[in-house]
Amino acid sequence: MARRKRFTAEQTLTKLREAEIYLGQGKTVKEDSRMLEISEQTYYRWRREYGGMDISQARNLNEVEKENIRLKKLVADLSLDNAILKEVLEKK
């Protein structure tokens, strides 16, 4: 199985711009994705996710996603603490 590559938001947007150029030259999405070394599915997912964004918006999206993950962990920890406290109080 091929090793999965991870691209930054900036790299993704650069590849999407290259894809637009190739498509403008009359190439198919299949040829396009082969030249960019990504799958067609990845191309369509990226287009859905990053289409119409500029690099600063993509950076901001990454920061917001990281913050969201941090907050979800915090909520999970607080919920666990709350459940433990309720359990202790019920036993008294």
C-alpha atoms as a PDB file:
ATOM      1  CA  MET A   1       0.000   0.000   0.000  1.00  0.00           C
ATOM      2  CA  ALA A   2       1.336   3.421  -0.926  1.00  0.00           C
ATOM      3  CA  ARG A   3       2.349   5.788   1.826  1.00  0.00           C
ATOM      4  CA  ARG A   4      -0.156   8.563   2.343  1.00  0.00           C
ATOM      5  CA  LYS A   5       1.156  12.080   1.813  1.00  0.00           C
ATOM      6  CA  ARG A   6      -0.011  14.984   3.918  1.00  0.00           C
ATOM      7  CA  PHE A   7      -0.115  18.421   2.384  1.00  0.00           C
ATOM      8  CA  THR A   8      -0.385  21.757   4.130  1.00  0.00           C
ATOM      9  CA  ALA A   9      -3.262  24.033   3.213  1.00  0.00           C
ATOM     10  CA  GLU A  10      -0.864  26.180   1.188  1.00  0.00           C
ATOM     11  CA  GLN A  11       0.432  23.175  -0.763  1.00  0.00           C
ATOM     12  CA  THR A  12      -3.119  22.007  -1.390  1.00  0.00           C
ATOM     13  CA  LEU A  13      -4.165  25.390  -2.757  1.00  0.00           C
ATOM     14  CA  THR A  14      -1.070  25.485  -4.975  1.00  0.00           C
ATOM     15  CA  LYS A  15      -1.931  22.061  -6.387  1.00  0.00           C
ATOM     16  CA  LEU A  16      -5.540  23.127  -6.956  1.00  0.00           C
ATOM     17  CA  ARG A  17      -4.341  26.189  -8.877  1.00  0.00           C
ATOM     18  CA  GLU A  18      -2.084  23.956 -10.993  1.00  0.00           C
ATOM     19  CA  ALA A  19      -5.077  21.702 -11.603  1.00  0.00           C
ATOM     20  CA  GLU A  20      -7.125  24.660 -12.842  1.00  0.00           C
ATOM     21  CA  ILE A  21      -4.358  25.509 -15.309  1.00  0.00           C
ATOM     22  CA  TYR A  22      -4.191  21.941 -16.601  1.00  0.00           C
ATOM     23  CA  LEU A  23      -7.979  21.762 -16.910  1.00  0.00           C
ATOM     24  CA  GLY A  24      -7.912  25.060 -18.787  1.00  0.00           C
ATOM     25  CA  GLN A  25      -5.477  23.472 -21.228  1.00  0.00           C
ATOM     26  CA  GLY A  26      -8.051  20.785 -21.985  1.00  0.00           C
ATOM     27  CA  LYS A  27      -6.704  17.979 -19.816  1.00  0.00           C
ATOM     28  CA  THR A  28      -9.111  15.674 -17.989  1.00  0.00           C
ATOM     29  CA  VAL A  29      -9.357  15.418 -14.217  1.00  0.00           C
ATOM     30  CA  LYS A  30      -7.836  11.944 -14.467  1.00  0.00           C
ATOM     31  CA  GLU A  31      -4.764  13.257 -16.331  1.00  0.00           C
ATOM     32  CA  ASP A  32      -4.675  16.267 -14.067  1.00  0.00           C
ATOM     33  CA  SER A  33      -4.609  14.260 -10.854  1.00  0.00           C
ATOM     34  CA  ARG A  34      -1.991  11.898 -12.226  1.00  0.00           C
ATOM     35  CA  MET A  35       0.283  14.871 -13.008  1.00  0.00           C
ATOM     36  CA  LEU A  36      -0.251  16.263  -9.501  1.00  0.00           C
ATOM     37  CA  GLU A  37       0.351  12.812  -7.955  1.00  0.00           C
ATOM     38  CA  ILE A  38      -3.007  12.702  -6.190  1.00  0.00           C
ATOM     39  CA  SER A  39      -6.113  10.591  -6.703  1.00  0.00           C
ATOM     40  CA  GLU A  40      -9.207  11.904  -8.435  1.00  0.00           C
ATOM     41  CA  GLN A  41     -11.083  11.487  -5.185  1.00  0.00           C
ATOM     42  CA  THR A  42      -8.516  13.680  -3.407  1.00  0.00           C
ATOM     43  CA  TYR A  43      -8.840  16.317  -6.117  1.00  0.00           C
ATOM     44  CA  TYR A  44     -12.630  16.487  -5.709  1.00  0.00           C
ATOM     45  CA  ARG A  45     -12.396  16.477  -1.897  1.00  0.00           C
ATOM     46  CA  TRP A  46      -9.868  19.303  -1.966  1.00  0.00           C
ATOM     47  CA  ARG A  47     -11.989  21.262  -4.413  1.00  0.00           C
ATOM     48  CA  ARG A  48     -15.024  20.869  -2.173  1.00  0.00           C
ATOM     49  CA  GLU A  49     -13.033  21.779   0.947  1.00  0.00           C
ATOM     50  CA  TYR A  50     -10.729  24.535  -0.328  1.00  0.00           C
ATOM     51  CA  GLY A  51     -12.422  25.759  -3.504  1.00  0.00           C
ATOM     52  CA  GLY A  52     -12.520  29.551  -3.691  1.00  0.00           C
ATOM     53  CA  MET A  53     -10.175  30.086  -0.722  1.00  0.00           C
ATOM     54  CA  ASP A  54      -6.992  32.040  -0.714  1.00  0.00           C
ATOM     55  CA  ILE A  55      -3.919  31.071   1.308  1.00  0.00           C
ATOM     56  CA  SER A  56      -4.678  33.317   4.300  1.00  0.00           C
ATOM     57  CA  GLN A  57      -8.169  31.829   4.603  1.00  0.00           C
ATOM     58  CA  ALA A  58      -6.722  28.309   4.470  1.00  0.00           C
ATOM     59  CA  ARG A  59      -4.234  29.133   7.239  1.00  0.00           C
ATOM     60  CA  ASN A  60      -7.069  30.545   9.311  1.00  0.00           C
ATOM     61  CA  LEU A  61      -9.122  27.383   8.687  1.00  0.00           C
ATOM     62  CA  ASN A  62      -6.245  25.245   9.992  1.00  0.00           C
ATOM     63  CA  GLU A  63      -5.958  27.380  13.133  1.00  0.00           C
ATOM     64  CA  VAL A  64      -9.699  27.202  13.750  1.00  0.00           C
ATOM     65  CA  GLU A  65      -9.700  23.408  13.293  1.00  0.00           C
ATOM     66  CA  LYS A  66      -6.828  23.025  15.793  1.00  0.00           C
ATOM     67  CA  GLU A  67      -8.636  25.259  18.298  1.00  0.00           C
ATOM     68  CA  ASN A  68     -11.827  23.241  17.791  1.00  0.00           C
ATOM     69  CA  ILE A  69      -9.978  19.999  18.567  1.00  0.00           C
ATOM     70  CA  ARG A  70      -8.494  21.558  21.716  1.00  0.00           C
ATOM     71  CA  LEU A  71     -11.902  22.770  22.888  1.00  0.00           C
ATOM     72  CA  LYS A  72     -13.534  19.387  22.230  1.00  0.00           C
ATOM     73  CA  LYS A  73     -10.898  17.714  24.421  1.00  0.00           C
ATOM     74  CA  LEU A  74     -11.496  20.301  27.127  1.00  0.00           C
ATOM     75  CA  VAL A  75     -15.256  19.684  27.041  1.00  0.00           C
ATOM     76  CA  ALA A  76     -14.700  15.921  27.211  1.00  0.00           C
ATOM     77  CA  ASP A  77     -12.436  16.315  30.254  1.00  0.00           C
ATOM     78  CA  LEU A  78     -14.927  18.594  32.010  1.00  0.00           C
ATOM     79  CA  SER A  79     -17.802  16.228  31.235  1.00  0.00           C
ATOM     80  CA  LEU A  80     -15.845  13.340  32.726  1.00  0.00           C
ATOM     81  CA  ASP A  81     -15.031  15.370  35.847  1.00  0.00           C
ATOM     82  CA  ASN A  82     -18.703  16.319  36.155  1.00  0.00           C
ATOM     83  CA  ALA A  83     -19.819  12.692  35.839  1.00  0.00           C
ATOM     84  CA  ILE A  84     -17.327  11.584  38.496  1.00  0.00           C
ATOM     85  CA  LEU A  85     -18.487  14.301  40.904  1.00  0.00           C
ATOM     86  CA  LYS A  86     -22.141  13.348  40.392  1.00  0.00           C
ATOM     87  CA  GLU A  87     -21.318   9.717  41.073  1.00  0.00           C
ATOM     88  CA  VAL A  88     -19.470  10.615  44.286  1.00  0.00           C
ATOM     89  CA  LEU A  89     -22.328  12.823  45.480  1.00  0.00           C
ATOM     90  CA  GLU A  90     -24.920  10.103  44.804  1.00  0.00           C
ATOM     91  CA  LYS A  91     -23.001   7.642  47.007  1.00  0.00           C
ATOM     92  CA  LYS A  92     -23.116   9.970  50.014  1.00  0.00           C
END
